[in-house]
Amino acid sequence: APWWAVLLVLGVITGAVSYVTGIAATRRLGSRLGSFVALSEVIA
């Protein structure tokens, strides 16, 4: 893949989208439960 395409995905998907959805999840689940559900990131 071209370097610029990889950078776009790195910034938009793994950057912007990940932080917003991560905060929204932890607000709903709490810091404890949110941190344990987020362990699915290791599998991903």
PDB file of all heavy atoms in Angstrom:
ATOM      1  N   ALA A   1       0.849  -1.187   0.000  1.00  0.00           N
ATOM      2  CA  ALA A   1       0.000   0.000   0.000  1.00  0.00           C
ATOM      3  C   ALA A   1       0.884   1.235   0.000  1.00  0.00           C
ATOM      4  O   ALA A   1       1.965   1.230   0.604  1.00  0.00           O
ATOM      5  CB  ALA A   1      -0.914   0.004   1.224  1.00  0.00           C
ATOM      6  N   PRO A   2       0.469   2.304  -0.685  1.00  0.00           N
ATOM      7  CA  PRO A   2       1.271   3.530  -0.671  1.00  0.00           C
ATOM      8  C   PRO A   2       1.365   4.118   0.732  1.00  0.00           C
ATOM      9  O   PRO A   2       0.440   4.003   1.529  1.00  0.00           O
ATOM     10  CB  PRO A   2       0.511   4.461  -1.629  1.00  0.00           C
ATOM     11  CG  PRO A   2      -0.870   3.903  -1.701  1.00  0.00           C
ATOM     12  CD  PRO A   2      -0.742   2.427  -1.508  1.00  0.00           C
ATOM     13  N   TRP A   3       2.480   4.752   1.008  1.00  0.00           N
ATOM     14  CA  TRP A   3       2.738   5.264   2.355  1.00  0.00           C
ATOM     15  C   TRP A   3       1.666   6.236   2.815  1.00  0.00           C
ATOM     16  O   TRP A   3       1.279   6.234   3.982  1.00  0.00           O
ATOM     17  CB  TRP A   3       4.112   5.933   2.407  1.00  0.00           C
ATOM     18  CG  TRP A   3       4.235   7.127   1.511  1.00  0.00           C
ATOM     19  CD1 TRP A   3       4.602   7.137   0.200  1.00  0.00           C
ATOM     20  CD2 TRP A   3       3.953   8.488   1.852  1.00  0.00           C
ATOM     21  NE1 TRP A   3       4.579   8.409  -0.309  1.00  0.00           N
ATOM     22  CE2 TRP A   3       4.185   9.269   0.687  1.00  0.00           C
ATOM     23  CE3 TRP A   3       3.541   9.132   3.023  1.00  0.00           C
ATOM     24  CZ2 TRP A   3       4.003  10.639   0.656  1.00  0.00           C
ATOM     25  CZ3 TRP A   3       3.354  10.505   3.009  1.00  0.00           C
ATOM     26  CH2 TRP A   3       3.585  11.248   1.841  1.00  0.00           C
ATOM     27  N   TRP A   4       1.161   7.085   1.896  1.00  0.00           N
ATOM     28  CA  TRP A   4       0.187   8.084   2.287  1.00  0.00           C
ATOM     29  C   TRP A   4      -1.158   7.450   2.673  1.00  0.00           C
ATOM     30  O   TRP A   4      -1.853   7.942   3.557  1.00  0.00           O
ATOM     31  CB  TRP A   4      -0.016   9.112   1.172  1.00  0.00           C
ATOM     32  CG  TRP A   4      -0.410   8.526  -0.162  1.00  0.00           C
ATOM     33  CD1 TRP A   4       0.422   8.178  -1.186  1.00  0.00           C
ATOM     34  CD2 TRP A   4      -1.737   8.203  -0.588  1.00  0.00           C
ATOM     35  NE1 TRP A   4      -0.298   7.665  -2.243  1.00  0.00           N
ATOM     36  CE2 TRP A   4      -1.623   7.670  -1.904  1.00  0.00           C
ATOM     37  CE3 TRP A   4      -2.988   8.328  -0.009  1.00  0.00           C
ATOM     38  CZ2 TRP A   4      -2.742   7.244  -2.621  1.00  0.00           C
ATOM     39  CZ3 TRP A   4      -4.095   7.902  -0.727  1.00  0.00           C
ATOM     40  CH2 TRP A   4      -3.973   7.368  -2.020  1.00  0.00           C
ATOM     41  N   ALA A   5      -1.516   6.334   2.010  1.00  0.00           N
ATOM     42  CA  ALA A   5      -2.765   5.651   2.350  1.00  0.00           C
ATOM     43  C   ALA A   5      -2.672   5.029   3.742  1.00  0.00           C
ATOM     44  O   ALA A   5      -3.628   5.077   4.529  1.00  0.00           O
ATOM     45  CB  ALA A   5      -3.078   4.583   1.309  1.00  0.00           C
ATOM     46  N   VAL A   6      -1.508   4.451   4.039  1.00  0.00           N
ATOM     47  CA  VAL A   6      -1.307   3.859   5.368  1.00  0.00           C
ATOM     48  C   VAL A   6      -1.377   4.950   6.439  1.00  0.00           C
ATOM     49  O   VAL A   6      -1.978   4.752   7.504  1.00  0.00           O
ATOM     50  CB  VAL A   6       0.046   3.118   5.425  1.00  0.00           C
ATOM     51  CG1 VAL A   6       0.312   2.600   6.842  1.00  0.00           C
ATOM     52  CG2 VAL A   6       0.065   1.969   4.435  1.00  0.00           C
ATOM     53  N   LEU A   7      -0.802   6.110   6.164  1.00  0.00           N
ATOM     54  CA  LEU A   7      -0.846   7.215   7.120  1.00  0.00           C
ATOM     55  C   LEU A   7      -2.278   7.699   7.352  1.00  0.00           C
ATOM     56  O   LEU A   7      -2.658   8.010   8.487  1.00  0.00           O
ATOM     57  CB  LEU A   7       0.013   8.373   6.626  1.00  0.00           C
ATOM     58  CG  LEU A   7       1.517   8.287   6.887  1.00  0.00           C
ATOM     59  CD1 LEU A   7       2.217   9.497   6.287  1.00  0.00           C
ATOM     60  CD2 LEU A   7       1.818   8.180   8.380  1.00  0.00           C
ATOM     61  N   LEU A   8      -3.072   7.780   6.282  1.00  0.00           N
ATOM     62  CA  LEU A   8      -4.456   8.222   6.432  1.00  0.00           C
ATOM     63  C   LEU A   8      -5.249   7.278   7.325  1.00  0.00           C
ATOM     64  O   LEU A   8      -5.992   7.704   8.211  1.00  0.00           O
ATOM     65  CB  LEU A   8      -5.121   8.336   5.056  1.00  0.00           C
ATOM     66  CG  LEU A   8      -4.813   9.596   4.244  1.00  0.00           C
ATOM     67  CD1 LEU A   8      -5.505   9.535   2.882  1.00  0.00           C
ATOM     68  CD2 LEU A   8      -5.243  10.850   4.997  1.00  0.00           C
ATOM     69  N   VAL A   9      -5.093   5.984   7.095  1.00  0.00           N
ATOM     70  CA  VAL A   9      -5.801   5.006   7.928  1.00  0.00           C
ATOM     71  C   VAL A   9      -5.288   5.082   9.363  1.00  0.00           C
ATOM     72  O   VAL A   9      -6.063   5.008  10.323  1.00  0.00           O
ATOM     73  CB  VAL A   9      -5.631   3.583   7.369  1.00  0.00           C
ATOM     74  CG1 VAL A   9      -6.278   2.552   8.291  1.00  0.00           C
ATOM     75  CG2 VAL A   9      -6.242   3.480   5.974  1.00  0.00           C
ATOM     76  N   LEU A  10      -3.979   5.261   9.511  1.00  0.00           N
ATOM     77  CA  LEU A  10      -3.385   5.355  10.845  1.00  0.00           C
ATOM     78  C   LEU A  10      -3.936   6.556  11.613  1.00  0.00           C
ATOM     79  O   LEU A  10      -4.196   6.473  12.823  1.00  0.00           O
ATOM     80  CB  LEU A  10      -1.865   5.461  10.725  1.00  0.00           C
ATOM     81  CG  LEU A  10      -1.048   5.377  12.022  1.00  0.00           C
ATOM     82  CD1 LEU A  10      -1.162   3.988  12.643  1.00  0.00           C
ATOM     83  CD2 LEU A  10       0.408   5.719  11.761  1.00  0.00           C
ATOM     84  N   GLY A  11      -4.137   7.681  10.904  1.00  0.00           N
ATOM     85  CA  GLY A  11      -4.611   8.879  11.580  1.00  0.00           C
ATOM     86  C   GLY A  11      -6.111   8.925  11.789  1.00  0.00           C
ATOM     87  O   GLY A  11      -6.587   9.260  12.878  1.00  0.00           O
ATOM     88  N   VAL A  12      -6.888   8.569  10.747  1.00  0.00           N
ATOM     89  CA  VAL A  12      -8.339   8.693  10.818  1.00  0.00           C
ATOM     90  C   VAL A  12      -8.968   7.538  11.595  1.00  0.00           C
ATOM     91  O   VAL A  12      -9.752   7.744  12.538  1.00  0.00           O
ATOM     92  CB  VAL A  12      -8.951   8.783   9.401  1.00  0.00           C
ATOM     93  CG1 VAL A  12     -10.480   8.823   9.486  1.00  0.00           C
ATOM     94  CG2 VAL A  12      -8.430  10.014   8.669  1.00  0.00           C
ATOM     95  N   ILE A  13      -8.651   6.304  11.202  1.00  0.00           N
ATOM     96  CA  ILE A  13      -9.290   5.133  11.819  1.00  0.00           C
ATOM     97  C   ILE A  13      -8.684   4.814  13.183  1.00  0.00           C
ATOM     98  O   ILE A  13      -9.389   4.736  14.195  1.00  0.00           O
ATOM     99  CB  ILE A  13      -9.195   3.902  10.895  1.00  0.00           C
ATOM    100  CG1 ILE A  13      -9.828   4.209   9.541  1.00  0.00           C
ATOM    101  CG2 ILE A  13      -9.873   2.701  11.563  1.00  0.00           C
ATOM    102  CD1 ILE A  13     -11.288   4.576   9.610  1.00  0.00           C
ATOM    103  N   THR A  14      -7.350   4.620  13.220  1.00  0.00           N
ATOM    104  CA  THR A  14      -6.727   4.223  14.487  1.00  0.00           C
ATOM    105  C   THR A  14      -6.476   5.414  15.401  1.00  0.00           C
ATOM    106  O   THR A  14      -6.081   5.225  16.550  1.00  0.00           O
ATOM    107  CB  THR A  14      -5.395   3.484  14.248  1.00  0.00           C
ATOM    108  OG1 THR A  14      -4.364   4.424  13.911  1.00  0.00           O
ATOM    109  CG2 THR A  14      -5.532   2.475  13.122  1.00  0.00           C
ATOM    110  N   GLY A  15      -6.687   6.642  14.885  1.00  0.00           N
ATOM    111  CA  GLY A  15      -6.511   7.829  15.709  1.00  0.00           C
ATOM    112  C   GLY A  15      -7.834   8.426  16.123  1.00  0.00           C
ATOM    113  O   GLY A  15      -8.310   8.218  17.247  1.00  0.00           O
ATOM    114  N   ALA A  16      -8.472   9.149  15.210  1.00  0.00           N
ATOM    115  CA  ALA A  16      -9.702   9.876  15.542  1.00  0.00           C
ATOM    116  C   ALA A  16     -10.821   8.944  15.983  1.00  0.00           C
ATOM    117  O   ALA A  16     -11.422   9.119  17.049  1.00  0.00           O
ATOM    118  CB  ALA A  16     -10.145  10.706  14.332  1.00  0.00           C
ATOM    119  N   VAL A  17     -11.128   7.939  15.166  1.00  0.00           N
ATOM    120  CA  VAL A  17     -12.244   7.034  15.474  1.00  0.00           C
ATOM    121  C   VAL A  17     -12.001   6.271  16.771  1.00  0.00           C
ATOM    122  O   VAL A  17     -12.896   6.143  17.618  1.00  0.00           O
ATOM    123  CB  VAL A  17     -12.483   6.053  14.308  1.00  0.00           C
ATOM    124  CG1 VAL A  17     -13.519   4.995  14.694  1.00  0.00           C
ATOM    125  CG2 VAL A  17     -12.941   6.806  13.065  1.00  0.00           C
ATOM    126  N   SER A  18     -10.788   5.796  16.961  1.00  0.00           N
ATOM    127  CA  SER A  18     -10.500   4.960  18.130  1.00  0.00           C
ATOM    128  C   SER A  18     -10.640   5.733  19.435  1.00  0.00           C
ATOM    129  O   SER A  18     -11.197   5.218  20.408  1.00  0.00           O
ATOM    130  CB  SER A  18      -9.097   4.357  18.020  1.00  0.00           C
ATOM    131  OG  SER A  18      -8.119   5.379  17.968  1.00  0.00           O
ATOM    132  N   TYR A  19     -10.151   6.978  19.480  1.00  0.00           N
ATOM    133  CA  TYR A  19     -10.217   7.735  20.734  1.00  0.00           C
ATOM    134  C   TYR A  19     -11.650   8.122  21.084  1.00  0.00           C
ATOM    135  O   TYR A  19     -12.061   8.043  22.242  1.00  0.00           O
ATOM    136  CB  TYR A  19      -9.325   8.975  20.656  1.00  0.00           C
ATOM    137  CG  TYR A  19      -7.874   8.667  20.873  1.00  0.00           C
ATOM    138  CD1 TYR A  19      -6.963   8.708  19.826  1.00  0.00           C
ATOM    139  CD2 TYR A  19      -7.399   8.304  22.131  1.00  0.00           C
ATOM    140  CE1 TYR A  19      -5.622   8.401  20.020  1.00  0.00           C
ATOM    141  CE2 TYR A  19      -6.071   7.997  22.338  1.00  0.00           C
ATOM    142  CZ  TYR A  19      -5.181   8.051  21.276  1.00  0.00           C
ATOM    143  OH  TYR A  19      -3.867   7.740  21.480  1.00  0.00           O
ATOM    144  N   VAL A  20     -12.428   8.538  20.092  1.00  0.00           N
ATOM    145  CA  VAL A  20     -13.813   8.934  20.367  1.00  0.00           C
ATOM    146  C   VAL A  20     -14.633   7.738  20.829  1.00  0.00           C
ATOM    147  O   VAL A  20     -15.359   7.799  21.832  1.00  0.00           O
ATOM    148  CB  VAL A  20     -14.455   9.577  19.124  1.00  0.00           C
ATOM    149  CG1 VAL A  20     -15.948   9.805  19.351  1.00  0.00           C
ATOM    150  CG2 VAL A  20     -13.777  10.900  18.813  1.00  0.00           C
ATOM    151  N   THR A  21     -14.547   6.620  20.116  1.00  0.00           N
ATOM    152  CA  THR A  21     -15.313   5.436  20.511  1.00  0.00           C
ATOM    153  C   THR A  21     -14.811   4.870  21.834  1.00  0.00           C
ATOM    154  O   THR A  21     -15.599   4.360  22.640  1.00  0.00           O
ATOM    155  CB  THR A  21     -15.235   4.346  19.427  1.00  0.00           C
ATOM    156  OG1 THR A  21     -13.846   4.070  19.115  1.00  0.00           O
ATOM    157  CG2 THR A  21     -15.933   4.787  18.152  1.00  0.00           C
ATOM    158  N   GLY A  22     -13.507   4.983  22.092  1.00  0.00           N
ATOM    159  CA  GLY A  22     -12.968   4.484  23.355  1.00  0.00           C
ATOM    160  C   GLY A  22     -13.479   5.280  24.546  1.00  0.00           C
ATOM    161  O   GLY A  22     -13.851   4.710  25.575  1.00  0.00           O
ATOM    162  N   ILE A  23     -13.508   6.614  24.420  1.00  0.00           N
ATOM    163  CA  ILE A  23     -14.022   7.445  25.508  1.00  0.00           C
ATOM    164  C   ILE A  23     -15.513   7.202  25.699  1.00  0.00           C
ATOM    165  O   ILE A  23     -16.006   7.073  26.827  1.00  0.00           O
ATOM    166  CB  ILE A  23     -13.750   8.933  25.227  1.00  0.00           C
ATOM    167  CG1 ILE A  23     -12.248   9.202  25.226  1.00  0.00           C
ATOM    168  CG2 ILE A  23     -14.430   9.812  26.276  1.00  0.00           C
ATOM    169  CD1 ILE A  23     -11.879  10.604  24.777  1.00  0.00           C
ATOM    170  N   ALA A  24     -16.262   7.120  24.580  1.00  0.00           N
ATOM    171  CA  ALA A  24     -17.704   6.872  24.672  1.00  0.00           C
ATOM    172  C   ALA A  24     -17.988   5.543  25.358  1.00  0.00           C
ATOM    173  O   ALA A  24     -18.919   5.422  26.161  1.00  0.00           O
ATOM    174  CB  ALA A  24     -18.328   6.889  23.276  1.00  0.00           C
ATOM    175  N   ALA A  25     -17.169   4.533  25.066  1.00  0.00           N
ATOM    176  CA  ALA A  25     -17.355   3.219  25.689  1.00  0.00           C
ATOM    177  C   ALA A  25     -17.090   3.271  27.181  1.00  0.00           C
ATOM    178  O   ALA A  25     -17.872   2.763  27.995  1.00  0.00           O
ATOM    179  CB  ALA A  25     -16.439   2.194  25.021  1.00  0.00           C
ATOM    180  N   THR A  26     -15.973   3.910  27.577  1.00  0.00           N
ATOM    181  CA  THR A  26     -15.601   3.941  28.985  1.00  0.00           C
ATOM    182  C   THR A  26     -16.565   4.790  29.798  1.00  0.00           C
ATOM    183  O   THR A  26     -16.814   4.515  30.972  1.00  0.00           O
ATOM    184  CB  THR A  26     -14.163   4.465  29.140  1.00  0.00           C
ATOM    185  OG1 THR A  26     -13.312   3.767  28.231  1.00  0.00           O
ATOM    186  CG2 THR A  26     -13.654   4.236  30.552  1.00  0.00           C
ATOM    187  N   ARG A  27     -17.146   5.846  29.178  1.00  0.00           N
ATOM    188  CA  ARG A  27     -18.153   6.645  29.874  1.00  0.00           C
ATOM    189  C   ARG A  27     -19.370   5.787  30.204  1.00  0.00           C
ATOM    190  O   ARG A  27     -20.034   5.997  31.219  1.00  0.00           O
ATOM    191  CB  ARG A  27     -18.569   7.827  29.001  1.00  0.00           C
ATOM    192  CG  ARG A  27     -17.500   8.908  28.870  1.00  0.00           C
ATOM    193  CD  ARG A  27     -17.488   9.835  30.074  1.00  0.00           C
ATOM    194  NE  ARG A  27     -16.410  10.805  29.996  1.00  0.00           N
ATOM    195  CZ  ARG A  27     -16.519  12.002  29.428  1.00  0.00           C
ATOM    196  NH1 ARG A  27     -17.663  12.345  28.852  1.00  0.00           N
ATOM    197  NH2 ARG A  27     -15.504  12.835  29.432  1.00  0.00           N
ATOM    198  N   ARG A  28     -19.709   4.842  29.329  1.00  0.00           N
ATOM    199  CA  ARG A  28     -20.886   4.000  29.536  1.00  0.00           C
ATOM    200  C   ARG A  28     -20.594   2.805  30.439  1.00  0.00           C
ATOM    201  O   ARG A  28     -21.454   2.348  31.187  1.00  0.00           O
ATOM    202  CB  ARG A  28     -21.421   3.509  28.193  1.00  0.00           C
ATOM    203  CG  ARG A  28     -22.117   4.607  27.393  1.00  0.00           C
ATOM    204  CD  ARG A  28     -22.260   4.218  25.922  1.00  0.00           C
ATOM    205  NE  ARG A  28     -23.085   5.179  25.196  1.00  0.00           N
ATOM    206  CZ  ARG A  28     -22.644   6.372  24.783  1.00  0.00           C
ATOM    207  NH1 ARG A  28     -21.398   6.728  25.040  1.00  0.00           N
ATOM    208  NH2 ARG A  28     -23.444   7.187  24.125  1.00  0.00           N
ATOM    209  N   LEU A  29     -19.364   2.280  30.359  1.00  0.00           N
ATOM    210  CA  LEU A  29     -19.033   1.059  31.091  1.00  0.00           C
ATOM    211  C   LEU A  29     -18.301   1.324  32.402  1.00  0.00           C
ATOM    212  O   LEU A  29     -18.283   0.462  33.281  1.00  0.00           O
ATOM    213  CB  LEU A  29     -18.170   0.143  30.214  1.00  0.00           C
ATOM    214  CG  LEU A  29     -18.772  -0.280  28.875  1.00  0.00           C
ATOM    215  CD1 LEU A  29     -17.767  -1.133  28.096  1.00  0.00           C
ATOM    216  CD2 LEU A  29     -20.068  -1.048  29.078  1.00  0.00           C
ATOM    217  N   GLY A  30     -17.683   2.503  32.542  1.00  0.00           N
ATOM    218  CA  GLY A  30     -16.858   2.776  33.702  1.00  0.00           C
ATOM    219  C   GLY A  30     -15.415   2.391  33.427  1.00  0.00           C
ATOM    220  O   GLY A  30     -15.129   1.605  32.525  1.00  0.00           O
ATOM    221  N   SER A  31     -14.477   2.945  34.205  1.00  0.00           N
ATOM    222  CA  SER A  31     -13.062   2.712  33.927  1.00  0.00           C
ATOM    223  C   SER A  31     -12.661   1.258  34.134  1.00  0.00           C
ATOM    224  O   SER A  31     -11.849   0.715  33.394  1.00  0.00           O
ATOM    225  CB  SER A  31     -12.191   3.626  34.803  1.00  0.00           C
ATOM    226  OG  SER A  31     -12.437   3.395  36.172  1.00  0.00           O
ATOM    227  N   ARG A  32     -13.237   0.580  35.152  1.00  0.00           N
ATOM    228  CA  ARG A  32     -12.868  -0.808  35.402  1.00  0.00           C
ATOM    229  C   ARG A  32     -13.377  -1.728  34.304  1.00  0.00           C
ATOM    230  O   ARG A  32     -12.610  -2.438  33.645  1.00  0.00           O
ATOM    231  CB  ARG A  32     -13.416  -1.265  36.759  1.00  0.00           C
ATOM    232  CG  ARG A  32     -12.772  -0.618  37.971  1.00  0.00           C
ATOM    233  CD  ARG A  32     -13.338  -1.235  39.237  1.00  0.00           C
ATOM    234  NE  ARG A  32     -12.804  -0.618  40.421  1.00  0.00           N
ATOM    235  CZ  ARG A  32     -13.293   0.465  40.997  1.00  0.00           C
ATOM    236  NH1 ARG A  32     -14.333   1.067  40.448  1.00  0.00           N
ATOM    237  NH2 ARG A  32     -12.760   0.949  42.084  1.00  0.00           N
ATOM    238  N   LEU A  33     -14.693  -1.745  34.104  1.00  0.00           N
ATOM    239  CA  LEU A  33     -15.266  -2.636  33.102  1.00  0.00           C
ATOM    240  C   LEU A  33     -14.763  -2.275  31.713  1.00  0.00           C
ATOM    241  O   LEU A  33     -14.457  -3.154  30.896  1.00  0.00           O
ATOM    242  CB  LEU A  33     -16.794  -2.560  33.151  1.00  0.00           C
ATOM    243  CG  LEU A  33     -17.546  -3.476  32.168  1.00  0.00           C
ATOM    244  CD1 LEU A  33     -17.143  -4.920  32.354  1.00  0.00           C
ATOM    245  CD2 LEU A  33     -19.049  -3.303  32.345  1.00  0.00           C
ATOM    246  N   GLY A  34     -14.639  -0.981  31.438  1.00  0.00           N
ATOM    247  CA  GLY A  34     -14.148  -0.555  30.135  1.00  0.00           C
ATOM    248  C   GLY A  34     -12.744  -1.055  29.865  1.00  0.00           C
ATOM    249  O   GLY A  34     -12.423  -1.472  28.749  1.00  0.00           O
ATOM    250  N   SER A  35     -11.880  -1.020  30.880  1.00  0.00           N
ATOM    251  CA  SER A  35     -10.506  -1.467  30.684  1.00  0.00           C
ATOM    252  C   SER A  35     -10.425  -2.960  30.427  1.00  0.00           C
ATOM    253  O   SER A  35      -9.551  -3.429  29.697  1.00  0.00           O
ATOM    254  CB  SER A  35      -9.651  -1.095  31.905  1.00  0.00           C
ATOM    255  OG  SER A  35     -10.095  -1.777  33.065  1.00  0.00           O
ATOM    256  N   PHE A  36     -11.342  -3.734  30.989  1.00  0.00           N
ATOM    257  CA  PHE A  36     -11.310  -5.177  30.773  1.00  0.00           C
ATOM    258  C   PHE A  36     -11.926  -5.574  29.434  1.00  0.00           C
ATOM    259  O   PHE A  36     -11.414  -6.457  28.751  1.00  0.00           O
ATOM    260  CB  PHE A  36     -11.997  -5.903  31.931  1.00  0.00           C
ATOM    261  CG  PHE A  36     -11.124  -5.978  33.147  1.00  0.00           C
ATOM    262  CD1 PHE A  36     -11.153  -4.984  34.097  1.00  0.00           C
ATOM    263  CD2 PHE A  36     -10.242  -7.022  33.323  1.00  0.00           C
ATOM    264  CE1 PHE A  36     -10.329  -5.022  35.202  1.00  0.00           C
ATOM    265  CE2 PHE A  36      -9.410  -7.073  34.421  1.00  0.00           C
ATOM    266  CZ  PHE A  36      -9.447  -6.075  35.374  1.00  0.00           C
ATOM    267  N   VAL A  37     -13.012  -4.918  29.031  1.00  0.00           N
ATOM    268  CA  VAL A  37     -13.589  -5.190  27.717  1.00  0.00           C
ATOM    269  C   VAL A  37     -12.596  -4.807  26.630  1.00  0.00           C
ATOM    270  O   VAL A  37     -12.494  -5.469  25.588  1.00  0.00           O
ATOM    271  CB  VAL A  37     -14.916  -4.428  27.529  1.00  0.00           C
ATOM    272  CG1 VAL A  37     -15.450  -4.610  26.117  1.00  0.00           C
ATOM    273  CG2 VAL A  37     -15.948  -4.910  28.536  1.00  0.00           C
ATOM    274  N   ALA A  38     -11.828  -3.764  26.870  1.00  0.00           N
ATOM    275  CA  ALA A  38     -10.850  -3.300  25.885  1.00  0.00           C
ATOM    276  C   ALA A  38      -9.713  -4.293  25.677  1.00  0.00           C
ATOM    277  O   ALA A  38      -8.922  -4.141  24.743  1.00  0.00           O
ATOM    278  CB  ALA A  38     -10.278  -1.950  26.309  1.00  0.00           C
ATOM    279  N   LEU A  39      -9.628  -5.327  26.516  1.00  0.00           N
ATOM    280  CA  LEU A  39      -8.620  -6.359  26.288  1.00  0.00           C
ATOM    281  C   LEU A  39      -8.842  -7.083  24.961  1.00  0.00           C
ATOM    282  O   LEU A  39      -7.942  -7.748  24.457  1.00  0.00           O
ATOM    283  CB  LEU A  39      -8.637  -7.380  27.439  1.00  0.00           C
ATOM    284  CG  LEU A  39      -8.020  -6.913  28.754  1.00  0.00           C
ATOM    285  CD1 LEU A  39      -8.307  -7.913  29.857  1.00  0.00           C
ATOM    286  CD2 LEU A  39      -6.528  -6.699  28.601  1.00  0.00           C
ATOM    287  N   SER A  40     -10.036  -6.956  24.389  1.00  0.00           N
ATOM    288  CA  SER A  40     -10.277  -7.535  23.072  1.00  0.00           C
ATOM    289  C   SER A  40      -9.376  -6.901  22.022  1.00  0.00           C
ATOM    290  O   SER A  40      -9.188  -7.450  20.938  1.00  0.00           O
ATOM    291  CB  SER A  40     -11.746  -7.377  22.667  1.00  0.00           C
ATOM    292  OG  SER A  40     -12.138  -6.019  22.695  1.00  0.00           O
ATOM    293  N   GLU A  41      -8.795  -5.729  22.346  1.00  0.00           N
ATOM    294  CA  GLU A  41      -7.831  -5.118  21.427  1.00  0.00           C
ATOM    295  C   GLU A  41      -6.630  -6.017  21.208  1.00  0.00           C
ATOM    296  O   GLU A  41      -6.041  -6.039  20.118  1.00  0.00           O
ATOM    297  CB  GLU A  41      -7.376  -3.756  21.957  1.00  0.00           C
ATOM    298  CG  GLU A  41      -6.383  -3.062  21.029  1.00  0.00           C
ATOM    299  CD  GLU A  41      -5.822  -1.787  21.621  1.00  0.00           C
ATOM    300  OE1 GLU A  41      -6.456  -1.200  22.511  1.00  0.00           O
ATOM    301  OE2 GLU A  41      -4.737  -1.368  21.182  1.00  0.00           O
ATOM    302  N   VAL A  42      -6.233  -6.771  22.253  1.00  0.00           N
ATOM    303  CA  VAL A  42      -5.090  -7.673  22.122  1.00  0.00           C
ATOM    304  C   VAL A  42      -5.381  -8.726  21.056  1.00  0.00           C
ATOM    305  O   VAL A  42      -4.522  -9.058  20.229  1.00  0.00           O
ATOM    306  CB  VAL A  42      -4.786  -8.341  23.479  1.00  0.00           C
ATOM    307  CG1 VAL A  42      -3.661  -9.351  23.328  1.00  0.00           C
ATOM    308  CG2 VAL A  42      -4.432  -7.291  24.520  1.00  0.00           C
ATOM    309  N   ILE A  43      -6.615  -9.254  21.062  1.00  0.00           N
ATOM    310  CA  ILE A  43      -6.996 -10.253  20.059  1.00  0.00           C
ATOM    311  C   ILE A  43      -6.990  -9.631  18.669  1.00  0.00           C
ATOM    312  O   ILE A  43      -6.466 -10.220  17.709  1.00  0.00           O
ATOM    313  CB  ILE A  43      -8.387 -10.829  20.388  1.00  0.00           C
ATOM    314  CG1 ILE A  43      -8.365 -11.489  21.767  1.00  0.00           C
ATOM    315  CG2 ILE A  43      -8.831 -11.822  19.327  1.00  0.00           C
ATOM    316  CD1 ILE A  43      -9.728 -11.959  22.243  1.00  0.00           C
ATOM    317  N   ALA A  44      -7.558  -8.421  18.553  1.00  0.00           N
ATOM    318  CA  ALA A  44      -7.584  -7.741  17.262  1.00  0.00           C
ATOM    319  C   ALA A  44      -6.172  -7.465  16.761  1.00  0.00           C
ATOM    320  O   ALA A  44      -5.862  -7.675  15.580  1.00  0.00           O
ATOM    321  CB  ALA A  44      -8.374  -6.434  17.377  1.00  0.00           C
TER     322      ALA A  44
END
